[in-house]
N, C-alpha and C. Protein backbone atom coordinates (compact mmCIF):
# COMPACT_ATOMS: atom_id res chain seq x y z
N UNK A 1 257.79 212.12 -34.37
CA UNK A 1 258.67 213.39 -34.12
C UNK A 1 259.22 213.67 -35.75
N UNK A 2 260.15 214.48 -35.75
CA UNK A 2 260.49 214.40 -36.46
C UNK A 2 261.77 213.73 -36.65
N UNK A 3 262.16 213.05 -37.83
CA UNK A 3 263.19 212.28 -37.66
C UNK A 3 264.54 212.91 -38.47
N UNK A 4 264.62 214.00 -39.05
CA UNK A 4 265.40 214.77 -40.30
C UNK A 4 265.00 215.15 -40.95
N UNK A 5 264.10 214.19 -41.61
CA UNK A 5 263.32 214.65 -42.62
C UNK A 5 262.92 216.22 -42.86
N UNK A 6 262.98 216.89 -44.38
CA UNK A 6 262.75 217.95 -44.39
C UNK A 6 261.44 218.60 -44.40
N UNK A 7 260.84 218.94 -42.96
CA UNK A 7 259.71 219.70 -43.11
C UNK A 7 259.36 221.10 -43.77
N UNK A 8 258.88 221.31 -44.42
CA UNK A 8 258.02 222.28 -45.00
C UNK A 8 257.34 223.37 -44.05
N UNK A 9 257.82 224.96 -44.19
CA UNK A 9 256.90 225.45 -43.26
C UNK A 9 256.52 226.73 -44.45
N UNK A 10 255.45 227.37 -44.48
CA UNK A 10 254.51 228.11 -45.04
C UNK A 10 254.44 229.76 -44.37
N UNK A 11 254.17 230.97 -44.72
CA UNK A 11 254.29 231.76 -44.26
C UNK A 11 253.22 231.55 -43.38
N UNK A 12 252.28 231.07 -42.97
CA UNK A 12 250.74 230.51 -42.15
C UNK A 12 251.80 229.99 -40.26
N UNK A 13 252.32 228.75 -40.65
CA UNK A 13 253.35 228.21 -40.01
C UNK A 13 254.00 229.48 -39.75
N UNK A 14 255.12 229.86 -40.11
CA UNK A 14 255.96 230.64 -39.60
C UNK A 14 254.93 231.96 -38.63
N UNK A 15 253.87 232.06 -38.87
CA UNK A 15 252.90 233.33 -38.26
C UNK A 15 252.38 232.99 -37.14
N UNK A 16 252.13 231.50 -37.29
CA UNK A 16 251.15 231.01 -35.88
C UNK A 16 252.82 230.74 -34.89
N UNK A 17 253.36 229.99 -35.35
CA UNK A 17 254.92 230.13 -34.35
C UNK A 17 255.39 231.16 -33.52
N UNK A 18 255.39 231.81 -34.43
CA UNK A 18 255.77 233.31 -34.19
C UNK A 18 254.78 233.56 -32.86
N UNK A 19 253.57 233.79 -32.89
CA UNK A 19 252.24 234.09 -32.31
C UNK A 19 252.43 233.52 -31.07
N UNK A 20 252.65 231.96 -31.04
CA UNK A 20 252.66 231.22 -30.06
C UNK A 20 253.99 231.36 -29.03
N UNK A 21 255.24 231.91 -29.97
CA UNK A 21 256.38 232.03 -28.84
C UNK A 21 255.81 233.58 -28.43
N UNK A 22 255.62 234.57 -28.99
CA UNK A 22 255.32 235.62 -28.39
C UNK A 22 254.09 235.71 -27.10
N UNK A 23 253.36 234.96 -27.29
CA UNK A 23 252.53 234.69 -26.31
C UNK A 23 251.67 233.42 -25.84
N UNK A 24 253.12 232.34 -25.46
CA UNK A 24 252.54 231.05 -25.06
C UNK A 24 250.68 231.17 -24.84
N UNK A 25 250.41 231.94 -23.93
CA UNK A 25 249.00 231.51 -23.19
C UNK A 25 247.91 231.62 -23.82
N UNK A 26 248.18 231.79 -25.35
CA UNK A 26 247.13 232.68 -26.48
C UNK A 26 246.11 231.38 -26.62
N UNK A 27 244.49 231.52 -26.63
CA UNK A 27 243.60 230.24 -27.11
C UNK A 27 243.96 230.26 -28.70
N UNK A 28 243.40 228.96 -29.14
CA UNK A 28 243.36 228.63 -30.84
C UNK A 28 242.24 229.56 -31.47
N UNK A 29 241.03 230.45 -30.43
CA UNK A 29 240.25 230.66 -31.28
C UNK A 29 241.20 232.64 -31.13
N UNK A 30 241.71 232.94 -30.11
CA UNK A 30 242.28 234.15 -30.43
C UNK A 30 243.34 233.77 -31.61
N UNK A 31 244.13 233.01 -32.09
CA UNK A 31 245.43 232.71 -32.73
C UNK A 31 244.40 232.99 -34.36
N UNK A 32 243.36 232.29 -34.38
CA UNK A 32 242.44 232.32 -35.86
C UNK A 32 242.09 233.77 -35.97
N UNK A 33 241.65 234.45 -35.04
CA UNK A 33 241.22 235.93 -34.79
C UNK A 33 242.49 236.68 -35.72
N UNK A 34 243.66 236.89 -34.79
CA UNK A 34 244.76 237.06 -35.49
C UNK A 34 245.27 237.20 -36.65
N UNK A 35 245.35 235.78 -36.92
CA UNK A 35 245.70 235.33 -38.13
C UNK A 35 244.74 235.37 -39.31
N UNK A 36 243.66 235.99 -39.30
CA UNK A 36 242.72 236.04 -40.03
C UNK A 36 242.44 234.57 -40.95
N UNK A 37 242.40 233.59 -40.21
CA UNK A 37 241.91 232.56 -40.75
C UNK A 37 241.30 231.78 -39.62
N UNK A 38 240.66 230.64 -40.04
CA UNK A 38 239.53 230.14 -39.56
C UNK A 38 239.79 228.94 -38.21
N UNK A 39 239.31 228.72 -37.52
CA UNK A 39 239.76 228.31 -35.78
C UNK A 39 240.32 226.74 -35.85
N UNK A 40 239.62 226.11 -36.78
CA UNK A 40 239.78 225.07 -37.42
C UNK A 40 241.16 224.55 -38.02
N UNK A 41 241.38 225.33 -39.04
CA UNK A 41 242.75 225.60 -39.72
C UNK A 41 243.88 225.77 -38.75
N UNK A 42 244.02 226.82 -37.74
CA UNK A 42 244.37 226.91 -36.94
C UNK A 42 245.03 225.72 -36.34
N UNK A 43 243.77 224.60 -35.43
CA UNK A 43 244.19 223.69 -34.96
C UNK A 43 244.26 222.56 -35.15
N UNK A 44 244.07 222.27 -36.84
CA UNK A 44 244.74 221.92 -37.87
C UNK A 44 246.58 221.82 -38.21
N UNK A 45 246.64 222.70 -37.70
CA UNK A 45 248.30 223.46 -38.40
C UNK A 45 249.19 222.83 -36.94
N UNK A 46 248.46 223.30 -35.98
CA UNK A 46 248.86 222.89 -34.42
C UNK A 46 249.29 221.79 -34.65
N UNK A 47 248.17 220.81 -34.75
CA UNK A 47 248.25 219.50 -34.75
C UNK A 47 249.36 218.92 -35.35
N UNK A 48 249.39 219.37 -37.21
CA UNK A 48 250.32 218.84 -37.45
C UNK A 48 251.76 219.49 -37.49
N UNK A 49 252.04 220.51 -36.96
CA UNK A 49 253.82 220.96 -36.47
C UNK A 49 253.67 220.10 -35.17
N UNK A 50 252.91 219.78 -34.17
CA UNK A 50 252.92 218.82 -33.09
C UNK A 50 253.52 217.58 -33.81
N UNK A 51 252.69 216.93 -34.43
CA UNK A 51 253.25 215.39 -35.42
C UNK A 51 254.16 215.48 -35.79
N UNK A 52 254.62 216.42 -36.46
CA UNK A 52 256.02 216.34 -37.08
C UNK A 52 256.97 217.02 -36.30
N UNK A 53 257.20 216.85 -35.35
CA UNK A 53 257.75 217.33 -33.94
C UNK A 53 258.44 218.81 -34.08
N UNK A 54 257.72 219.47 -35.16
CA UNK A 54 258.12 220.75 -35.15
C UNK A 54 257.99 221.59 -33.79
N UNK A 55 256.55 221.76 -33.13
CA UNK A 55 256.72 222.16 -32.03
C UNK A 55 257.13 221.07 -31.14
N UNK A 56 257.60 220.91 -30.17
CA UNK A 56 258.28 220.22 -29.10
C UNK A 56 257.49 220.11 -27.97
N UNK A 57 257.08 221.21 -27.61
CA UNK A 57 256.04 221.52 -26.33
C UNK A 57 255.36 222.80 -26.26
N UNK A 58 254.29 222.75 -25.46
CA UNK A 58 253.73 223.82 -25.17
C UNK A 58 253.91 224.41 -23.71
N UNK A 59 254.72 224.00 -22.69
CA UNK A 59 255.05 224.04 -21.28
C UNK A 59 255.91 225.15 -21.33
N UNK A 60 255.82 225.82 -19.99
CA UNK A 60 256.39 227.28 -19.88
C UNK A 60 258.14 226.95 -19.84
N UNK A 61 258.65 228.48 -20.98
CA UNK A 61 260.44 228.02 -20.28
C UNK A 61 260.50 228.99 -19.12
N UNK A 62 261.38 228.07 -18.21
CA UNK A 62 262.03 228.11 -17.11
C UNK A 62 263.26 228.85 -17.37
N UNK A 63 263.45 229.89 -16.96
CA UNK A 63 265.16 230.57 -16.27
C UNK A 63 265.69 229.73 -15.13
N UNK A 64 266.72 229.43 -15.21
CA UNK A 64 267.33 228.40 -14.50
C UNK A 64 267.54 229.97 -13.53
N UNK A 65 268.16 231.04 -13.84
CA UNK A 65 268.64 231.66 -12.77
C UNK A 65 267.82 232.53 -12.34
N UNK A 66 266.40 232.47 -12.48
CA UNK A 66 265.47 232.82 -11.48
C UNK A 66 265.16 232.17 -10.58
N UNK A 67 265.42 230.59 -10.69
CA UNK A 67 264.74 229.46 -9.43
C UNK A 67 266.62 229.84 -8.93
N UNK A 68 267.43 230.18 -8.93
CA UNK A 68 268.33 230.23 -8.22
C UNK A 68 270.03 229.97 -8.54
N UNK A 69 269.95 229.27 -9.75
CA UNK A 69 271.12 228.48 -10.62
C UNK A 69 271.48 229.03 -11.58
N UNK A 70 272.43 230.81 -10.66
CA UNK A 70 272.92 231.82 -11.70
C UNK A 70 274.38 231.40 -12.78
N UNK A 71 274.55 230.45 -12.01
CA UNK A 71 276.32 229.80 -13.14
C UNK A 71 275.37 229.20 -14.19
N UNK A 72 275.84 228.95 -14.99
CA UNK A 72 275.79 228.35 -16.29
C UNK A 72 277.17 227.57 -16.55
N UNK A 73 277.70 226.13 -17.33
CA UNK A 73 278.53 226.24 -17.59
C UNK A 73 278.71 225.04 -18.85
N UNK A 74 279.70 225.06 -19.52
CA UNK A 74 279.33 223.58 -20.31
C UNK A 74 280.56 222.86 -20.17
N UNK A 75 280.46 221.08 -20.53
CA UNK A 75 281.49 220.92 -19.64
C UNK A 75 281.74 219.80 -21.28
N UNK A 76 282.96 219.14 -21.00
CA UNK A 76 283.19 218.16 -22.13
C UNK A 76 283.52 217.05 -21.68
N UNK A 77 283.16 216.02 -21.84
CA UNK A 77 283.19 214.64 -21.15
C UNK A 77 283.90 213.45 -22.29
N UNK A 78 285.04 213.03 -21.69
CA UNK A 78 285.55 211.96 -22.59
C UNK A 78 285.45 210.52 -21.55
N UNK A 79 285.03 209.70 -22.57
CA UNK A 79 284.46 208.60 -21.75
C UNK A 79 284.92 207.65 -22.11
N UNK A 80 285.04 206.25 -21.39
CA UNK A 80 286.13 205.18 -21.72
C UNK A 80 284.96 204.57 -22.78
N UNK A 81 285.68 203.63 -23.60
CA UNK A 81 284.80 203.15 -24.87
C UNK A 81 284.81 201.65 -24.83
N UNK A 82 284.95 201.19 -23.10
CA UNK A 82 284.54 200.23 -22.75
C UNK A 82 283.20 200.23 -22.13
N UNK A 83 282.89 201.38 -21.56
CA UNK A 83 281.53 201.21 -20.87
C UNK A 83 280.56 201.83 -21.71
N UNK A 84 280.91 202.53 -22.85
CA UNK A 84 280.01 203.42 -24.18
C UNK A 84 278.81 204.54 -23.02
N UNK A 85 278.41 205.00 -23.93
CA UNK A 85 277.44 205.89 -23.81
C UNK A 85 276.52 205.90 -22.89
N UNK A 86 275.65 204.68 -22.64
CA UNK A 86 274.46 204.56 -22.19
C UNK A 86 274.45 204.76 -20.67
N UNK A 87 275.43 203.80 -20.13
CA UNK A 87 275.82 204.49 -18.60
C UNK A 87 275.54 205.67 -18.25
N UNK A 88 276.72 206.49 -19.03
CA UNK A 88 277.38 207.90 -18.79
C UNK A 88 275.63 208.69 -19.08
N UNK A 89 275.19 208.41 -19.85
CA UNK A 89 274.00 209.05 -19.80
C UNK A 89 272.79 208.37 -18.71
N UNK A 90 273.27 207.56 -18.67
CA UNK A 90 271.74 207.15 -17.65
C UNK A 90 272.42 207.96 -16.41
N UNK A 91 273.61 207.77 -16.48
CA UNK A 91 273.97 208.92 -14.82
C UNK A 91 273.88 210.60 -15.04
N UNK A 92 273.51 211.41 -16.45
CA UNK A 92 273.63 212.66 -16.14
C UNK A 92 272.55 212.88 -16.04
N UNK A 93 271.54 211.47 -16.74
CA UNK A 93 270.43 211.83 -16.43
C UNK A 93 269.30 212.31 -15.00
N UNK A 94 270.29 211.39 -14.63
CA UNK A 94 270.33 211.54 -13.14
C UNK A 94 270.37 212.43 -12.04
N UNK A 95 271.18 213.64 -12.70
CA UNK A 95 271.88 214.90 -12.09
C UNK A 95 271.15 216.14 -12.68
N UNK A 96 270.40 216.96 -11.61
CA UNK A 96 269.32 217.84 -12.07
C UNK A 96 269.81 219.11 -12.81
N UNK A 97 271.17 219.19 -12.44
CA UNK A 97 271.70 220.58 -12.95
C UNK A 97 272.38 220.03 -14.19
N UNK A 98 271.78 219.13 -14.91
CA UNK A 98 272.47 218.64 -16.27
C UNK A 98 271.20 219.17 -17.10
N UNK A 99 271.30 219.90 -17.84
CA UNK A 99 270.28 220.48 -18.43
C UNK A 99 270.31 219.79 -19.80
N UNK A 100 271.16 219.62 -20.46
CA UNK A 100 271.43 218.89 -21.84
C UNK A 100 272.82 217.92 -21.89
N UNK A 101 272.56 217.09 -22.90
CA UNK A 101 273.90 216.63 -23.44
C UNK A 101 274.01 215.84 -24.81
N UNK A 102 275.27 216.43 -25.69
CA UNK A 102 274.85 215.27 -26.66
C UNK A 102 276.11 215.09 -27.15
N UNK A 103 275.92 214.19 -27.74
CA UNK A 103 277.15 213.52 -28.13
C UNK A 103 277.48 214.13 -29.24
N UNK A 104 279.11 214.16 -29.56
CA UNK A 104 279.93 215.27 -29.89
C UNK A 104 281.47 214.47 -30.86
N UNK A 105 281.95 215.43 -31.73
CA UNK A 105 282.85 215.08 -32.76
C UNK A 105 284.31 215.47 -32.02
N UNK A 106 285.40 214.97 -32.45
CA UNK A 106 286.89 215.67 -31.95
C UNK A 106 286.76 214.90 -30.86
N UNK A 107 288.08 215.79 -29.99
CA UNK A 107 288.68 214.60 -29.20
C UNK A 107 287.22 214.52 -27.82
N UNK A 108 286.45 215.11 -27.82
CA UNK A 108 285.86 214.20 -26.51
C UNK A 108 284.41 213.68 -27.24
N UNK A 109 283.92 213.10 -26.29
CA UNK A 109 282.79 212.20 -26.35
C UNK A 109 281.45 212.89 -26.18
N UNK A 110 281.30 214.21 -25.27
CA UNK A 110 279.72 214.68 -24.97
C UNK A 110 280.19 215.71 -24.80
N UNK A 111 278.81 216.69 -25.16
CA UNK A 111 279.08 217.83 -24.14
C UNK A 111 277.97 218.12 -23.52
N UNK A 112 278.20 218.67 -22.48
CA UNK A 112 276.88 219.44 -21.26
C UNK A 112 276.70 220.62 -21.26
N UNK A 113 275.39 220.90 -21.10
CA UNK A 113 275.35 222.48 -20.39
C UNK A 113 275.24 222.14 -18.93
N UNK A 114 275.58 222.29 -18.18
CA UNK A 114 275.10 222.79 -16.94
C UNK A 114 274.68 223.66 -15.91
N UNK A 115 273.90 223.70 -14.68
CA UNK A 115 273.67 224.95 -14.36
C UNK A 115 273.84 224.89 -12.80
N UNK A 116 274.38 225.97 -11.77
CA UNK A 116 274.56 225.28 -10.43
C UNK A 116 274.37 226.78 -9.86
N UNK A 117 273.99 227.17 -8.38
CA UNK A 117 273.48 227.85 -7.72
C UNK A 117 275.16 228.78 -7.23
N UNK A 118 276.26 228.39 -7.94
CA UNK A 118 277.53 228.96 -7.14
C UNK A 118 278.65 228.62 -7.66
N UNK A 119 280.04 229.31 -8.07
CA UNK A 119 281.04 228.34 -8.04
C UNK A 119 281.14 227.26 -7.15
N UNK A 120 280.65 227.31 -5.98
CA UNK A 120 280.74 226.32 -5.31
C UNK A 120 280.56 225.41 -5.48
N UNK A 121 279.38 225.41 -5.79
CA UNK A 121 278.16 224.36 -5.84
C UNK A 121 278.32 223.66 -7.01
N UNK A 122 278.87 224.12 -8.41
CA UNK A 122 279.52 223.73 -9.65
C UNK A 122 280.10 223.12 -9.51
N UNK A 123 281.37 223.01 -8.37
CA UNK A 123 282.39 222.15 -8.26
C UNK A 123 281.87 221.15 -7.57
N UNK A 124 280.83 221.16 -6.80
CA UNK A 124 279.58 220.03 -6.68
C UNK A 124 279.18 219.12 -7.66
N UNK A 125 278.72 219.73 -8.89
CA UNK A 125 277.66 219.46 -9.55
C UNK A 125 278.66 218.78 -10.46
N UNK A 126 280.49 219.03 -10.55
CA UNK A 126 281.17 218.40 -11.56
C UNK A 126 282.01 217.32 -11.03
N UNK A 127 281.86 216.90 -9.60
CA UNK A 127 282.11 216.17 -9.09
C UNK A 127 281.58 214.87 -9.22
N UNK A 128 279.56 215.62 -8.98
CA UNK A 128 279.18 214.31 -8.97
C UNK A 128 279.15 213.65 -10.66
N UNK A 129 279.15 214.72 -11.73
CA UNK A 129 279.35 214.22 -12.93
C UNK A 129 280.29 213.54 -13.08
N UNK A 130 281.57 213.48 -12.78
CA UNK A 130 282.34 212.59 -12.74
C UNK A 130 282.61 211.64 -11.90
N UNK A 131 281.58 211.39 -11.44
CA UNK A 131 281.77 210.05 -10.50
C UNK A 131 281.29 208.92 -11.02
N UNK A 132 280.81 209.14 -12.44
CA UNK A 132 280.75 207.59 -12.90
C UNK A 132 282.12 207.04 -13.61
N UNK A 133 281.78 205.45 -13.37
CA UNK A 133 283.17 205.25 -13.93
C UNK A 133 283.47 204.88 -15.47
N UNK A 134 282.32 205.28 -16.34
CA UNK A 134 282.18 205.59 -17.49
C UNK A 134 282.84 206.72 -17.99
N UNK A 135 283.49 207.76 -17.21
CA UNK A 135 283.94 209.26 -17.82
C UNK A 135 285.72 209.23 -16.93
N UNK A 136 286.64 209.40 -17.86
CA UNK A 136 287.82 209.55 -17.84
C UNK A 136 288.03 210.68 -18.01
N UNK A 137 287.49 211.69 -18.91
CA UNK A 137 288.18 212.93 -18.27
C UNK A 137 286.85 214.02 -18.32
N UNK A 138 287.14 215.23 -17.62
CA UNK A 138 286.26 216.52 -18.11
C UNK A 138 286.89 217.71 -18.36
N UNK A 139 285.89 218.72 -19.14
CA UNK A 139 286.93 220.00 -18.96
C UNK A 139 285.20 220.65 -19.25
N UNK A 140 285.96 221.93 -17.98
CA UNK A 140 284.39 222.72 -17.75
C UNK A 140 285.32 224.22 -18.47
N UNK A 141 283.81 224.35 -19.09
CA UNK A 141 284.24 226.39 -19.26
C UNK A 141 282.89 227.18 -19.03
N UNK A 142 282.97 228.05 -17.77
CA UNK A 142 282.17 228.53 -17.33
C UNK A 142 282.15 229.59 -18.21
N UNK A 143 280.21 230.10 -18.31
CA UNK A 143 279.94 231.07 -19.45
C UNK A 143 279.51 232.55 -18.70
N UNK A 144 280.08 233.77 -18.75
CA UNK A 144 280.21 234.42 -18.15
C UNK A 144 279.18 235.67 -18.44
N UNK A 145 278.54 235.58 -19.73
CA UNK A 145 277.79 236.06 -20.20
C UNK A 145 275.98 235.53 -21.29
N UNK A 146 275.52 235.31 -21.45
CA UNK A 146 274.45 234.72 -22.47
C UNK A 146 274.51 236.15 -23.45
N UNK A 147 275.09 236.26 -24.47
CA UNK A 147 275.15 236.68 -25.77
C UNK A 147 273.76 236.69 -26.11
N UNK A 148 273.78 235.44 -27.13
CA UNK A 148 272.59 235.06 -28.25
C UNK A 148 271.71 234.03 -26.90
N UNK A 149 270.77 234.21 -26.72
CA UNK A 149 269.71 233.11 -25.83
C UNK A 149 269.36 231.98 -26.86
N UNK A 150 269.18 231.27 -26.49
CA UNK A 150 268.47 229.75 -27.15
C UNK A 150 267.36 230.78 -27.84
N UNK A 151 267.47 230.61 -29.18
CA UNK A 151 266.65 230.93 -30.11
C UNK A 151 265.95 230.05 -31.35
N UNK A 152 264.74 229.65 -31.57
CA UNK A 152 264.72 229.36 -32.67
C UNK A 152 263.69 230.37 -33.75
N UNK A 153 263.23 231.05 -33.69
CA UNK A 153 262.18 231.83 -34.39
C UNK A 153 262.76 232.64 -35.94
N UNK A 154 264.28 233.02 -35.72
CA UNK A 154 264.93 233.44 -37.05
C UNK A 154 265.27 232.21 -37.96
N UNK A 155 265.31 231.20 -37.40
CA UNK A 155 264.96 229.51 -37.71
C UNK A 155 263.62 229.32 -38.69
N UNK A 156 262.99 229.33 -38.08
CA UNK A 156 261.25 229.57 -38.54
C UNK A 156 261.01 230.66 -39.72
N UNK A 157 261.68 231.43 -39.37
CA UNK A 157 261.42 232.60 -40.42
C UNK A 157 261.73 232.26 -41.65
N UNK A 158 263.29 232.00 -41.68
CA UNK A 158 264.22 231.15 -42.60
C UNK A 158 263.30 230.01 -43.48
N UNK A 159 262.96 229.49 -42.90
CA UNK A 159 262.37 228.20 -43.01
C UNK A 159 261.27 228.07 -44.23
N UNK A 160 260.37 229.23 -43.51
CA UNK A 160 259.08 229.52 -44.27
C UNK A 160 259.90 230.10 -45.73
N UNK A 161 260.63 230.83 -45.71
CA UNK A 161 260.93 231.87 -47.03
C UNK A 161 261.67 230.87 -47.96
N UNK A 162 262.38 229.49 -47.88
CA UNK A 162 262.76 228.93 -48.55
C UNK A 162 261.45 228.55 -49.70
């Protein structure tokens, strides 16, 4: 996995990533045909991109809303310095509705993206989150609408142009 070193992408890498993002079920042979390169070249590029952590997975993207989790919220957590991050992170990892958690700077310590089935269910999820001894305060923001979905293709295109 990439540990922050500057990974160079070229035009072929960017076109391959974009093709896979648009058509995740496409095979290596069809990729090679559409990109106009040998099958072995596509496979080697995929292996290299995966080994360097550029491509982090080939699994399906799941829509929480489509499976009944229509409320998205962001929660900042302040944690007890006496307990540290590890016990809180382990606690959060056990809550399925916590989609991600990041250590942050500022007045809080962690930022979490969580989902729930309803506002009432959101209260249940928040109660579960703050049940950890290591959490001293939580602040919640409910997302009303997604304006820009999580995306990386513009970043890939920009990196390939450098």
